[in-house]
Amino acid sequence: HTSAKQLVPVANKPVLFYGLEAIAE
């Protein structure tokens, strides 16, 4: 309700960042 689902952290990193890192790699 108050935040983007893609920014909820798993293992203390937003989910979105795992995908962006995979794309960069």
PDBML (XML) file of the C-alpha atoms, coordinates in Angstrom:
<?xml version="1.0" encoding="UTF-8" ?>
<PDBx:datablock datablockName="MODEL"
   xmlns:PDBx="http://pdbml.pdb.org/schema/pdbx-v50.xsd"
   xmlns:xsi="http://www.w3.org/2001/XMLSchema-instance"
   xsi:schemaLocation="http://pdbml.pdb.org/schema/pdbx-v50.xsd pdbx-v50.xsd">
   <PDBx:atom_siteCategory>
      <PDBx:atom_site id="1">
         <PDBx:B_iso_or_equiv>0.00</PDBx:B_iso_or_equiv>
         <PDBx:Cartn_x>0.000</PDBx:Cartn_x>
         <PDBx:Cartn_y>0.000</PDBx:Cartn_y>
         <PDBx:Cartn_z>0.000</PDBx:Cartn_z>
         <PDBx:auth_asym_id>A</PDBx:auth_asym_id>
         <PDBx:auth_atom_id>CA</PDBx:auth_atom_id>
         <PDBx:auth_comp_id>HIS</PDBx:auth_comp_id>
         <PDBx:auth_seq_id>1</PDBx:auth_seq_id>
         <PDBx:group_PDB>ATOM</PDBx:group_PDB>
         <PDBx:label_alt_id xsi:nil="true" />
         <PDBx:label_asym_id>A</PDBx:label_asym_id>
         <PDBx:label_atom_id>CA</PDBx:label_atom_id>
         <PDBx:label_comp_id>HIS</PDBx:label_comp_id>
         <PDBx:label_entity_id>1</PDBx:label_entity_id>
         <PDBx:label_seq_id>1</PDBx:label_seq_id>
         <PDBx:occupancy>1.00</PDBx:occupancy>
         <PDBx:pdbx_PDB_model_num>1</PDBx:pdbx_PDB_model_num>
         <PDBx:type_symbol>C</PDBx:type_symbol>
      </PDBx:atom_site>
      <PDBx:atom_site id="2">
         <PDBx:B_iso_or_equiv>0.00</PDBx:B_iso_or_equiv>
         <PDBx:Cartn_x>2.902</PDBx:Cartn_x>
         <PDBx:Cartn_y>2.314</PDBx:Cartn_y>
         <PDBx:Cartn_z>0.754</PDBx:Cartn_z>
         <PDBx:auth_asym_id>A</PDBx:auth_asym_id>
         <PDBx:auth_atom_id>CA</PDBx:auth_atom_id>
         <PDBx:auth_comp_id>THR</PDBx:auth_comp_id>
         <PDBx:auth_seq_id>2</PDBx:auth_seq_id>
         <PDBx:group_PDB>ATOM</PDBx:group_PDB>
         <PDBx:label_alt_id xsi:nil="true" />
         <PDBx:label_asym_id>A</PDBx:label_asym_id>
         <PDBx:label_atom_id>CA</PDBx:label_atom_id>
         <PDBx:label_comp_id>THR</PDBx:label_comp_id>
         <PDBx:label_entity_id>1</PDBx:label_entity_id>
         <PDBx:label_seq_id>2</PDBx:label_seq_id>
         <PDBx:occupancy>1.00</PDBx:occupancy>
         <PDBx:pdbx_PDB_model_num>1</PDBx:pdbx_PDB_model_num>
         <PDBx:type_symbol>C</PDBx:type_symbol>
      </PDBx:atom_site>
      <PDBx:atom_site id="3">
         <PDBx:B_iso_or_equiv>0.00</PDBx:B_iso_or_equiv>
         <PDBx:Cartn_x>5.863</PDBx:Cartn_x>
         <PDBx:Cartn_y>0.917</PDBx:Cartn_y>
         <PDBx:Cartn_z>-1.165</PDBx:Cartn_z>
         <PDBx:auth_asym_id>A</PDBx:auth_asym_id>
         <PDBx:auth_atom_id>CA</PDBx:auth_atom_id>
         <PDBx:auth_comp_id>SER</PDBx:auth_comp_id>
         <PDBx:auth_seq_id>3</PDBx:auth_seq_id>
         <PDBx:group_PDB>ATOM</PDBx:group_PDB>
         <PDBx:label_alt_id xsi:nil="true" />
         <PDBx:label_asym_id>A</PDBx:label_asym_id>
         <PDBx:label_atom_id>CA</PDBx:label_atom_id>
         <PDBx:label_comp_id>SER</PDBx:label_comp_id>
         <PDBx:label_entity_id>1</PDBx:label_entity_id>
         <PDBx:label_seq_id>3</PDBx:label_seq_id>
         <PDBx:occupancy>1.00</PDBx:occupancy>
         <PDBx:pdbx_PDB_model_num>1</PDBx:pdbx_PDB_model_num>
         <PDBx:type_symbol>C</PDBx:type_symbol>
      </PDBx:atom_site>
      <PDBx:atom_site id="4">
         <PDBx:B_iso_or_equiv>0.00</PDBx:B_iso_or_equiv>
         <PDBx:Cartn_x>6.865</PDBx:Cartn_x>
         <PDBx:Cartn_y>-0.800</PDBx:Cartn_y>
         <PDBx:Cartn_z>-4.392</PDBx:Cartn_z>
         <PDBx:auth_asym_id>A</PDBx:auth_asym_id>
         <PDBx:auth_atom_id>CA</PDBx:auth_atom_id>
         <PDBx:auth_comp_id>ALA</PDBx:auth_comp_id>
         <PDBx:auth_seq_id>4</PDBx:auth_seq_id>
         <PDBx:group_PDB>ATOM</PDBx:group_PDB>
         <PDBx:label_alt_id xsi:nil="true" />
         <PDBx:label_asym_id>A</PDBx:label_asym_id>
         <PDBx:label_atom_id>CA</PDBx:label_atom_id>
         <PDBx:label_comp_id>ALA</PDBx:label_comp_id>
         <PDBx:label_entity_id>1</PDBx:label_entity_id>
         <PDBx:label_seq_id>4</PDBx:label_seq_id>
         <PDBx:occupancy>1.00</PDBx:occupancy>
         <PDBx:pdbx_PDB_model_num>1</PDBx:pdbx_PDB_model_num>
         <PDBx:type_symbol>C</PDBx:type_symbol>
      </PDBx:atom_site>
      <PDBx:atom_site id="5">
         <PDBx:B_iso_or_equiv>0.00</PDBx:B_iso_or_equiv>
         <PDBx:Cartn_x>6.783</PDBx:Cartn_x>
         <PDBx:Cartn_y>-4.589</PDBx:Cartn_y>
         <PDBx:Cartn_z>-4.271</PDBx:Cartn_z>
         <PDBx:auth_asym_id>A</PDBx:auth_asym_id>
         <PDBx:auth_atom_id>CA</PDBx:auth_atom_id>
         <PDBx:auth_comp_id>LYS</PDBx:auth_comp_id>
         <PDBx:auth_seq_id>5</PDBx:auth_seq_id>
         <PDBx:group_PDB>ATOM</PDBx:group_PDB>
         <PDBx:label_alt_id xsi:nil="true" />
         <PDBx:label_asym_id>A</PDBx:label_asym_id>
         <PDBx:label_atom_id>CA</PDBx:label_atom_id>
         <PDBx:label_comp_id>LYS</PDBx:label_comp_id>
         <PDBx:label_entity_id>1</PDBx:label_entity_id>
         <PDBx:label_seq_id>5</PDBx:label_seq_id>
         <PDBx:occupancy>1.00</PDBx:occupancy>
         <PDBx:pdbx_PDB_model_num>1</PDBx:pdbx_PDB_model_num>
         <PDBx:type_symbol>C</PDBx:type_symbol>
      </PDBx:atom_site>
      <PDBx:atom_site id="6">
         <PDBx:B_iso_or_equiv>0.00</PDBx:B_iso_or_equiv>
         <PDBx:Cartn_x>10.039</PDBx:Cartn_x>
         <PDBx:Cartn_y>-4.680</PDBx:Cartn_y>
         <PDBx:Cartn_z>-6.240</PDBx:Cartn_z>
         <PDBx:auth_asym_id>A</PDBx:auth_asym_id>
         <PDBx:auth_atom_id>CA</PDBx:auth_atom_id>
         <PDBx:auth_comp_id>GLN</PDBx:auth_comp_id>
         <PDBx:auth_seq_id>6</PDBx:auth_seq_id>
         <PDBx:group_PDB>ATOM</PDBx:group_PDB>
         <PDBx:label_alt_id xsi:nil="true" />
         <PDBx:label_asym_id>A</PDBx:label_asym_id>
         <PDBx:label_atom_id>CA</PDBx:label_atom_id>
         <PDBx:label_comp_id>GLN</PDBx:label_comp_id>
         <PDBx:label_entity_id>1</PDBx:label_entity_id>
         <PDBx:label_seq_id>6</PDBx:label_seq_id>
         <PDBx:occupancy>1.00</PDBx:occupancy>
         <PDBx:pdbx_PDB_model_num>1</PDBx:pdbx_PDB_model_num>
         <PDBx:type_symbol>C</PDBx:type_symbol>
      </PDBx:atom_site>
      <PDBx:atom_site id="7">
         <PDBx:B_iso_or_equiv>0.00</PDBx:B_iso_or_equiv>
         <PDBx:Cartn_x>11.836</PDBx:Cartn_x>
         <PDBx:Cartn_y>-2.886</PDBx:Cartn_y>
         <PDBx:Cartn_z>-3.393</PDBx:Cartn_z>
         <PDBx:auth_asym_id>A</PDBx:auth_asym_id>
         <PDBx:auth_atom_id>CA</PDBx:auth_atom_id>
         <PDBx:auth_comp_id>LEU</PDBx:auth_comp_id>
         <PDBx:auth_seq_id>7</PDBx:auth_seq_id>
         <PDBx:group_PDB>ATOM</PDBx:group_PDB>
         <PDBx:label_alt_id xsi:nil="true" />
         <PDBx:label_asym_id>A</PDBx:label_asym_id>
         <PDBx:label_atom_id>CA</PDBx:label_atom_id>
         <PDBx:label_comp_id>LEU</PDBx:label_comp_id>
         <PDBx:label_entity_id>1</PDBx:label_entity_id>
         <PDBx:label_seq_id>7</PDBx:label_seq_id>
         <PDBx:occupancy>1.00</PDBx:occupancy>
         <PDBx:pdbx_PDB_model_num>1</PDBx:pdbx_PDB_model_num>
         <PDBx:type_symbol>C</PDBx:type_symbol>
      </PDBx:atom_site>
      <PDBx:atom_site id="8">
         <PDBx:B_iso_or_equiv>0.00</PDBx:B_iso_or_equiv>
         <PDBx:Cartn_x>10.882</PDBx:Cartn_x>
         <PDBx:Cartn_y>-5.312</PDBx:Cartn_y>
         <PDBx:Cartn_z>-0.628</PDBx:Cartn_z>
         <PDBx:auth_asym_id>A</PDBx:auth_asym_id>
         <PDBx:auth_atom_id>CA</PDBx:auth_atom_id>
         <PDBx:auth_comp_id>VAL</PDBx:auth_comp_id>
         <PDBx:auth_seq_id>8</PDBx:auth_seq_id>
         <PDBx:group_PDB>ATOM</PDBx:group_PDB>
         <PDBx:label_alt_id xsi:nil="true" />
         <PDBx:label_asym_id>A</PDBx:label_asym_id>
         <PDBx:label_atom_id>CA</PDBx:label_atom_id>
         <PDBx:label_comp_id>VAL</PDBx:label_comp_id>
         <PDBx:label_entity_id>1</PDBx:label_entity_id>
         <PDBx:label_seq_id>8</PDBx:label_seq_id>
         <PDBx:occupancy>1.00</PDBx:occupancy>
         <PDBx:pdbx_PDB_model_num>1</PDBx:pdbx_PDB_model_num>
         <PDBx:type_symbol>C</PDBx:type_symbol>
      </PDBx:atom_site>
      <PDBx:atom_site id="9">
         <PDBx:B_iso_or_equiv>0.00</PDBx:B_iso_or_equiv>
         <PDBx:Cartn_x>14.263</PDBx:Cartn_x>
         <PDBx:Cartn_y>-6.726</PDBx:Cartn_y>
         <PDBx:Cartn_z>0.477</PDBx:Cartn_z>
         <PDBx:auth_asym_id>A</PDBx:auth_asym_id>
         <PDBx:auth_atom_id>CA</PDBx:auth_atom_id>
         <PDBx:auth_comp_id>PRO</PDBx:auth_comp_id>
         <PDBx:auth_seq_id>9</PDBx:auth_seq_id>
         <PDBx:group_PDB>ATOM</PDBx:group_PDB>
         <PDBx:label_alt_id xsi:nil="true" />
         <PDBx:label_asym_id>A</PDBx:label_asym_id>
         <PDBx:label_atom_id>CA</PDBx:label_atom_id>
         <PDBx:label_comp_id>PRO</PDBx:label_comp_id>
         <PDBx:label_entity_id>1</PDBx:label_entity_id>
         <PDBx:label_seq_id>9</PDBx:label_seq_id>
         <PDBx:occupancy>1.00</PDBx:occupancy>
         <PDBx:pdbx_PDB_model_num>1</PDBx:pdbx_PDB_model_num>
         <PDBx:type_symbol>C</PDBx:type_symbol>
      </PDBx:atom_site>
      <PDBx:atom_site id="10">
         <PDBx:B_iso_or_equiv>0.00</PDBx:B_iso_or_equiv>
         <PDBx:Cartn_x>15.259</PDBx:Cartn_x>
         <PDBx:Cartn_y>-10.371</PDBx:Cartn_y>
         <PDBx:Cartn_z>0.504</PDBx:Cartn_z>
         <PDBx:auth_asym_id>A</PDBx:auth_asym_id>
         <PDBx:auth_atom_id>CA</PDBx:auth_atom_id>
         <PDBx:auth_comp_id>VAL</PDBx:auth_comp_id>
         <PDBx:auth_seq_id>10</PDBx:auth_seq_id>
         <PDBx:group_PDB>ATOM</PDBx:group_PDB>
         <PDBx:label_alt_id xsi:nil="true" />
         <PDBx:label_asym_id>A</PDBx:label_asym_id>
         <PDBx:label_atom_id>CA</PDBx:label_atom_id>
         <PDBx:label_comp_id>VAL</PDBx:label_comp_id>
         <PDBx:label_entity_id>1</PDBx:label_entity_id>
         <PDBx:label_seq_id>10</PDBx:label_seq_id>
         <PDBx:occupancy>1.00</PDBx:occupancy>
         <PDBx:pdbx_PDB_model_num>1</PDBx:pdbx_PDB_model_num>
         <PDBx:type_symbol>C</PDBx:type_symbol>
      </PDBx:atom_site>
      <PDBx:atom_site id="11">
         <PDBx:B_iso_or_equiv>0.00</PDBx:B_iso_or_equiv>
         <PDBx:Cartn_x>18.577</PDBx:Cartn_x>
         <PDBx:Cartn_y>-11.117</PDBx:Cartn_y>
         <PDBx:Cartn_z>2.211</PDBx:Cartn_z>
         <PDBx:auth_asym_id>A</PDBx:auth_asym_id>
         <PDBx:auth_atom_id>CA</PDBx:auth_atom_id>
         <PDBx:auth_comp_id>ALA</PDBx:auth_comp_id>
         <PDBx:auth_seq_id>11</PDBx:auth_seq_id>
         <PDBx:group_PDB>ATOM</PDBx:group_PDB>
         <PDBx:label_alt_id xsi:nil="true" />
         <PDBx:label_asym_id>A</PDBx:label_asym_id>
         <PDBx:label_atom_id>CA</PDBx:label_atom_id>
         <PDBx:label_comp_id>ALA</PDBx:label_comp_id>
         <PDBx:label_entity_id>1</PDBx:label_entity_id>
         <PDBx:label_seq_id>11</PDBx:label_seq_id>
         <PDBx:occupancy>1.00</PDBx:occupancy>
         <PDBx:pdbx_PDB_model_num>1</PDBx:pdbx_PDB_model_num>
         <PDBx:type_symbol>C</PDBx:type_symbol>
      </PDBx:atom_site>
      <PDBx:atom_site id="12">
         <PDBx:B_iso_or_equiv>0.00</PDBx:B_iso_or_equiv>
         <PDBx:Cartn_x>18.669</PDBx:Cartn_x>
         <PDBx:Cartn_y>-7.352</PDBx:Cartn_y>
         <PDBx:Cartn_z>2.872</PDBx:Cartn_z>
         <PDBx:auth_asym_id>A</PDBx:auth_asym_id>
         <PDBx:auth_atom_id>CA</PDBx:auth_atom_id>
         <PDBx:auth_comp_id>ASN</PDBx:auth_comp_id>
         <PDBx:auth_seq_id>12</PDBx:auth_seq_id>
         <PDBx:group_PDB>ATOM</PDBx:group_PDB>
         <PDBx:label_alt_id xsi:nil="true" />
         <PDBx:label_asym_id>A</PDBx:label_asym_id>
         <PDBx:label_atom_id>CA</PDBx:label_atom_id>
         <PDBx:label_comp_id>ASN</PDBx:label_comp_id>
         <PDBx:label_entity_id>1</PDBx:label_entity_id>
         <PDBx:label_seq_id>12</PDBx:label_seq_id>
         <PDBx:occupancy>1.00</PDBx:occupancy>
         <PDBx:pdbx_PDB_model_num>1</PDBx:pdbx_PDB_model_num>
         <PDBx:type_symbol>C</PDBx:type_symbol>
      </PDBx:atom_site>
      <PDBx:atom_site id="13">
         <PDBx:B_iso_or_equiv>0.00</PDBx:B_iso_or_equiv>
         <PDBx:Cartn_x>18.671</PDBx:Cartn_x>
         <PDBx:Cartn_y>-6.338</PDBx:Cartn_y>
         <PDBx:Cartn_z>-0.791</PDBx:Cartn_z>
         <PDBx:auth_asym_id>A</PDBx:auth_asym_id>
         <PDBx:auth_atom_id>CA</PDBx:auth_atom_id>
         <PDBx:auth_comp_id>LYS</PDBx:auth_comp_id>
         <PDBx:auth_seq_id>13</PDBx:auth_seq_id>
         <PDBx:group_PDB>ATOM</PDBx:group_PDB>
         <PDBx:label_alt_id xsi:nil="true" />
         <PDBx:label_asym_id>A</PDBx:label_asym_id>
         <PDBx:label_atom_id>CA</PDBx:label_atom_id>
         <PDBx:label_comp_id>LYS</PDBx:label_comp_id>
         <PDBx:label_entity_id>1</PDBx:label_entity_id>
         <PDBx:label_seq_id>13</PDBx:label_seq_id>
         <PDBx:occupancy>1.00</PDBx:occupancy>
         <PDBx:pdbx_PDB_model_num>1</PDBx:pdbx_PDB_model_num>
         <PDBx:type_symbol>C</PDBx:type_symbol>
      </PDBx:atom_site>
      <PDBx:atom_site id="14">
         <PDBx:B_iso_or_equiv>0.00</PDBx:B_iso_or_equiv>
         <PDBx:Cartn_x>15.641</PDBx:Cartn_x>
         <PDBx:Cartn_y>-5.136</PDBx:Cartn_y>
         <PDBx:Cartn_z>-2.768</PDBx:Cartn_z>
         <PDBx:auth_asym_id>A</PDBx:auth_asym_id>
         <PDBx:auth_atom_id>CA</PDBx:auth_atom_id>
         <PDBx:auth_comp_id>PRO</PDBx:auth_comp_id>
         <PDBx:auth_seq_id>14</PDBx:auth_seq_id>
         <PDBx:group_PDB>ATOM</PDBx:group_PDB>
         <PDBx:label_alt_id xsi:nil="true" />
         <PDBx:label_asym_id>A</PDBx:label_asym_id>
         <PDBx:label_atom_id>CA</PDBx:label_atom_id>
         <PDBx:label_comp_id>PRO</PDBx:label_comp_id>
         <PDBx:label_entity_id>1</PDBx:label_entity_id>
         <PDBx:label_seq_id>14</PDBx:label_seq_id>
         <PDBx:occupancy>1.00</PDBx:occupancy>
         <PDBx:pdbx_PDB_model_num>1</PDBx:pdbx_PDB_model_num>
         <PDBx:type_symbol>C</PDBx:type_symbol>
      </PDBx:atom_site>
      <PDBx:atom_site id="15">
         <PDBx:B_iso_or_equiv>0.00</PDBx:B_iso_or_equiv>
         <PDBx:Cartn_x>14.348</PDBx:Cartn_x>
         <PDBx:Cartn_y>-7.835</PDBx:Cartn_y>
         <PDBx:Cartn_z>-5.118</PDBx:Cartn_z>
         <PDBx:auth_asym_id>A</PDBx:auth_asym_id>
         <PDBx:auth_atom_id>CA</PDBx:auth_atom_id>
         <PDBx:auth_comp_id>VAL</PDBx:auth_comp_id>
         <PDBx:auth_seq_id>15</PDBx:auth_seq_id>
         <PDBx:group_PDB>ATOM</PDBx:group_PDB>
         <PDBx:label_alt_id xsi:nil="true" />
         <PDBx:label_asym_id>A</PDBx:label_asym_id>
         <PDBx:label_atom_id>CA</PDBx:label_atom_id>
         <PDBx:label_comp_id>VAL</PDBx:label_comp_id>
         <PDBx:label_entity_id>1</PDBx:label_entity_id>
         <PDBx:label_seq_id>15</PDBx:label_seq_id>
         <PDBx:occupancy>1.00</PDBx:occupancy>
         <PDBx:pdbx_PDB_model_num>1</PDBx:pdbx_PDB_model_num>
         <PDBx:type_symbol>C</PDBx:type_symbol>
      </PDBx:atom_site>
      <PDBx:atom_site id="16">
         <PDBx:B_iso_or_equiv>0.00</PDBx:B_iso_or_equiv>
         <PDBx:Cartn_x>14.654</PDBx:Cartn_x>
         <PDBx:Cartn_y>-5.458</PDBx:Cartn_y>
         <PDBx:Cartn_z>-8.068</PDBx:Cartn_z>
         <PDBx:auth_asym_id>A</PDBx:auth_asym_id>
         <PDBx:auth_atom_id>CA</PDBx:auth_atom_id>
         <PDBx:auth_comp_id>LEU</PDBx:auth_comp_id>
         <PDBx:auth_seq_id>16</PDBx:auth_seq_id>
         <PDBx:group_PDB>ATOM</PDBx:group_PDB>
         <PDBx:label_alt_id xsi:nil="true" />
         <PDBx:label_asym_id>A</PDBx:label_asym_id>
         <PDBx:label_atom_id>CA</PDBx:label_atom_id>
         <PDBx:label_comp_id>LEU</PDBx:label_comp_id>
         <PDBx:label_entity_id>1</PDBx:label_entity_id>
         <PDBx:label_seq_id>16</PDBx:label_seq_id>
         <PDBx:occupancy>1.00</PDBx:occupancy>
         <PDBx:pdbx_PDB_model_num>1</PDBx:pdbx_PDB_model_num>
         <PDBx:type_symbol>C</PDBx:type_symbol>
      </PDBx:atom_site>
      <PDBx:atom_site id="17">
         <PDBx:B_iso_or_equiv>0.00</PDBx:B_iso_or_equiv>
         <PDBx:Cartn_x>18.403</PDBx:Cartn_x>
         <PDBx:Cartn_y>-5.124</PDBx:Cartn_y>
         <PDBx:Cartn_z>-7.567</PDBx:Cartn_z>
         <PDBx:auth_asym_id>A</PDBx:auth_asym_id>
         <PDBx:auth_atom_id>CA</PDBx:auth_atom_id>
         <PDBx:auth_comp_id>PHE</PDBx:auth_comp_id>
         <PDBx:auth_seq_id>17</PDBx:auth_seq_id>
         <PDBx:group_PDB>ATOM</PDBx:group_PDB>
         <PDBx:label_alt_id xsi:nil="true" />
         <PDBx:label_asym_id>A</PDBx:label_asym_id>
         <PDBx:label_atom_id>CA</PDBx:label_atom_id>
         <PDBx:label_comp_id>PHE</PDBx:label_comp_id>
         <PDBx:label_entity_id>1</PDBx:label_entity_id>
         <PDBx:label_seq_id>17</PDBx:label_seq_id>
         <PDBx:occupancy>1.00</PDBx:occupancy>
         <PDBx:pdbx_PDB_model_num>1</PDBx:pdbx_PDB_model_num>
         <PDBx:type_symbol>C</PDBx:type_symbol>
      </PDBx:atom_site>
      <PDBx:atom_site id="18">
         <PDBx:B_iso_or_equiv>0.00</PDBx:B_iso_or_equiv>
         <PDBx:Cartn_x>19.014</PDBx:Cartn_x>
         <PDBx:Cartn_y>-8.839</PDBx:Cartn_y>
         <PDBx:Cartn_z>-8.124</PDBx:Cartn_z>
         <PDBx:auth_asym_id>A</PDBx:auth_asym_id>
         <PDBx:auth_atom_id>CA</PDBx:auth_atom_id>
         <PDBx:auth_comp_id>TYR</PDBx:auth_comp_id>
         <PDBx:auth_seq_id>18</PDBx:auth_seq_id>
         <PDBx:group_PDB>ATOM</PDBx:group_PDB>
         <PDBx:label_alt_id xsi:nil="true" />
         <PDBx:label_asym_id>A</PDBx:label_asym_id>
         <PDBx:label_atom_id>CA</PDBx:label_atom_id>
         <PDBx:label_comp_id>TYR</PDBx:label_comp_id>
         <PDBx:label_entity_id>1</PDBx:label_entity_id>
         <PDBx:label_seq_id>18</PDBx:label_seq_id>
         <PDBx:occupancy>1.00</PDBx:occupancy>
         <PDBx:pdbx_PDB_model_num>1</PDBx:pdbx_PDB_model_num>
         <PDBx:type_symbol>C</PDBx:type_symbol>
      </PDBx:atom_site>
      <PDBx:atom_site id="19">
         <PDBx:B_iso_or_equiv>0.00</PDBx:B_iso_or_equiv>
         <PDBx:Cartn_x>17.513</PDBx:Cartn_x>
         <PDBx:Cartn_y>-8.538</PDBx:Cartn_y>
         <PDBx:Cartn_z>-11.596</PDBx:Cartn_z>
         <PDBx:auth_asym_id>A</PDBx:auth_asym_id>
         <PDBx:auth_atom_id>CA</PDBx:auth_atom_id>
         <PDBx:auth_comp_id>GLY</PDBx:auth_comp_id>
         <PDBx:auth_seq_id>19</PDBx:auth_seq_id>
         <PDBx:group_PDB>ATOM</PDBx:group_PDB>
         <PDBx:label_alt_id xsi:nil="true" />
         <PDBx:label_asym_id>A</PDBx:label_asym_id>
         <PDBx:label_atom_id>CA</PDBx:label_atom_id>
         <PDBx:label_comp_id>GLY</PDBx:label_comp_id>
         <PDBx:label_entity_id>1</PDBx:label_entity_id>
         <PDBx:label_seq_id>19</PDBx:label_seq_id>
         <PDBx:occupancy>1.00</PDBx:occupancy>
         <PDBx:pdbx_PDB_model_num>1</PDBx:pdbx_PDB_model_num>
         <PDBx:type_symbol>C</PDBx:type_symbol>
      </PDBx:atom_site>
      <PDBx:atom_site id="20">
         <PDBx:B_iso_or_equiv>0.00</PDBx:B_iso_or_equiv>
         <PDBx:Cartn_x>19.404</PDBx:Cartn_x>
         <PDBx:Cartn_y>-5.357</PDBx:Cartn_y>
         <PDBx:Cartn_z>-12.444</PDBx:Cartn_z>
         <PDBx:auth_asym_id>A</PDBx:auth_asym_id>
         <PDBx:auth_atom_id>CA</PDBx:auth_atom_id>
         <PDBx:auth_comp_id>LEU</PDBx:auth_comp_id>
         <PDBx:auth_seq_id>20</PDBx:auth_seq_id>
         <PDBx:group_PDB>ATOM</PDBx:group_PDB>
         <PDBx:label_alt_id xsi:nil="true" />
         <PDBx:label_asym_id>A</PDBx:label_asym_id>
         <PDBx:label_atom_id>CA</PDBx:label_atom_id>
         <PDBx:label_comp_id>LEU</PDBx:label_comp_id>
         <PDBx:label_entity_id>1</PDBx:label_entity_id>
         <PDBx:label_seq_id>20</PDBx:label_seq_id>
         <PDBx:occupancy>1.00</PDBx:occupancy>
         <PDBx:pdbx_PDB_model_num>1</PDBx:pdbx_PDB_model_num>
         <PDBx:type_symbol>C</PDBx:type_symbol>
      </PDBx:atom_site>
      <PDBx:atom_site id="21">
         <PDBx:B_iso_or_equiv>0.00</PDBx:B_iso_or_equiv>
         <PDBx:Cartn_x>22.666</PDBx:Cartn_x>
         <PDBx:Cartn_y>-6.946</PDBx:Cartn_y>
         <PDBx:Cartn_z>-11.305</PDBx:Cartn_z>
         <PDBx:auth_asym_id>A</PDBx:auth_asym_id>
         <PDBx:auth_atom_id>CA</PDBx:auth_atom_id>
         <PDBx:auth_comp_id>GLU</PDBx:auth_comp_id>
         <PDBx:auth_seq_id>21</PDBx:auth_seq_id>
         <PDBx:group_PDB>ATOM</PDBx:group_PDB>
         <PDBx:label_alt_id xsi:nil="true" />
         <PDBx:label_asym_id>A</PDBx:label_asym_id>
         <PDBx:label_atom_id>CA</PDBx:label_atom_id>
         <PDBx:label_comp_id>GLU</PDBx:label_comp_id>
         <PDBx:label_entity_id>1</PDBx:label_entity_id>
         <PDBx:label_seq_id>21</PDBx:label_seq_id>
         <PDBx:occupancy>1.00</PDBx:occupancy>
         <PDBx:pdbx_PDB_model_num>1</PDBx:pdbx_PDB_model_num>
         <PDBx:type_symbol>C</PDBx:type_symbol>
      </PDBx:atom_site>
      <PDBx:atom_site id="22">
         <PDBx:B_iso_or_equiv>0.00</PDBx:B_iso_or_equiv>
         <PDBx:Cartn_x>21.943</PDBx:Cartn_x>
         <PDBx:Cartn_y>-10.039</PDBx:Cartn_y>
         <PDBx:Cartn_z>-13.402</PDBx:Cartn_z>
         <PDBx:auth_asym_id>A</PDBx:auth_asym_id>
         <PDBx:auth_atom_id>CA</PDBx:auth_atom_id>
         <PDBx:auth_comp_id>ALA</PDBx:auth_comp_id>
         <PDBx:auth_seq_id>22</PDBx:auth_seq_id>
         <PDBx:group_PDB>ATOM</PDBx:group_PDB>
         <PDBx:label_alt_id xsi:nil="true" />
         <PDBx:label_asym_id>A</PDBx:label_asym_id>
         <PDBx:label_atom_id>CA</PDBx:label_atom_id>
         <PDBx:label_comp_id>ALA</PDBx:label_comp_id>
         <PDBx:label_entity_id>1</PDBx:label_entity_id>
         <PDBx:label_seq_id>22</PDBx:label_seq_id>
         <PDBx:occupancy>1.00</PDBx:occupancy>
         <PDBx:pdbx_PDB_model_num>1</PDBx:pdbx_PDB_model_num>
         <PDBx:type_symbol>C</PDBx:type_symbol>
      </PDBx:atom_site>
      <PDBx:atom_site id="23">
         <PDBx:B_iso_or_equiv>0.00</PDBx:B_iso_or_equiv>
         <PDBx:Cartn_x>21.344</PDBx:Cartn_x>
         <PDBx:Cartn_y>-7.827</PDBx:Cartn_y>
         <PDBx:Cartn_z>-16.436</PDBx:Cartn_z>
         <PDBx:auth_asym_id>A</PDBx:auth_asym_id>
         <PDBx:auth_atom_id>CA</PDBx:auth_atom_id>
         <PDBx:auth_comp_id>ILE</PDBx:auth_comp_id>
         <PDBx:auth_seq_id>23</PDBx:auth_seq_id>
         <PDBx:group_PDB>ATOM</PDBx:group_PDB>
         <PDBx:label_alt_id xsi:nil="true" />
         <PDBx:label_asym_id>A</PDBx:label_asym_id>
         <PDBx:label_atom_id>CA</PDBx:label_atom_id>
         <PDBx:label_comp_id>ILE</PDBx:label_comp_id>
         <PDBx:label_entity_id>1</PDBx:label_entity_id>
         <PDBx:label_seq_id>23</PDBx:label_seq_id>
         <PDBx:occupancy>1.00</PDBx:occupancy>
         <PDBx:pdbx_PDB_model_num>1</PDBx:pdbx_PDB_model_num>
         <PDBx:type_symbol>C</PDBx:type_symbol>
      </PDBx:atom_site>
      <PDBx:atom_site id="24">
         <PDBx:B_iso_or_equiv>0.00</PDBx:B_iso_or_equiv>
         <PDBx:Cartn_x>24.620</PDBx:Cartn_x>
         <PDBx:Cartn_y>-5.979</PDBx:Cartn_y>
         <PDBx:Cartn_z>-15.870</PDBx:Cartn_z>
         <PDBx:auth_asym_id>A</PDBx:auth_asym_id>
         <PDBx:auth_atom_id>CA</PDBx:auth_atom_id>
         <PDBx:auth_comp_id>ALA</PDBx:auth_comp_id>
         <PDBx:auth_seq_id>24</PDBx:auth_seq_id>
         <PDBx:group_PDB>ATOM</PDBx:group_PDB>
         <PDBx:label_alt_id xsi:nil="true" />
         <PDBx:label_asym_id>A</PDBx:label_asym_id>
         <PDBx:label_atom_id>CA</PDBx:label_atom_id>
         <PDBx:label_comp_id>ALA</PDBx:label_comp_id>
         <PDBx:label_entity_id>1</PDBx:label_entity_id>
         <PDBx:label_seq_id>24</PDBx:label_seq_id>
         <PDBx:occupancy>1.00</PDBx:occupancy>
         <PDBx:pdbx_PDB_model_num>1</PDBx:pdbx_PDB_model_num>
         <PDBx:type_symbol>C</PDBx:type_symbol>
      </PDBx:atom_site>
      <PDBx:atom_site id="25">
         <PDBx:B_iso_or_equiv>0.00</PDBx:B_iso_or_equiv>
         <PDBx:Cartn_x>26.488</PDBx:Cartn_x>
         <PDBx:Cartn_y>-9.274</PDBx:Cartn_y>
         <PDBx:Cartn_z>-15.426</PDBx:Cartn_z>
         <PDBx:auth_asym_id>A</PDBx:auth_asym_id>
         <PDBx:auth_atom_id>CA</PDBx:auth_atom_id>
         <PDBx:auth_comp_id>GLU</PDBx:auth_comp_id>
         <PDBx:auth_seq_id>25</PDBx:auth_seq_id>
         <PDBx:group_PDB>ATOM</PDBx:group_PDB>
         <PDBx:label_alt_id xsi:nil="true" />
         <PDBx:label_asym_id>A</PDBx:label_asym_id>
         <PDBx:label_atom_id>CA</PDBx:label_atom_id>
         <PDBx:label_comp_id>GLU</PDBx:label_comp_id>
         <PDBx:label_entity_id>1</PDBx:label_entity_id>
         <PDBx:label_seq_id>25</PDBx:label_seq_id>
         <PDBx:occupancy>1.00</PDBx:occupancy>
         <PDBx:pdbx_PDB_model_num>1</PDBx:pdbx_PDB_model_num>
         <PDBx:type_symbol>C</PDBx:type_symbol>
      </PDBx:atom_site>
   </PDBx:atom_siteCategory>
</PDBx:datablock>
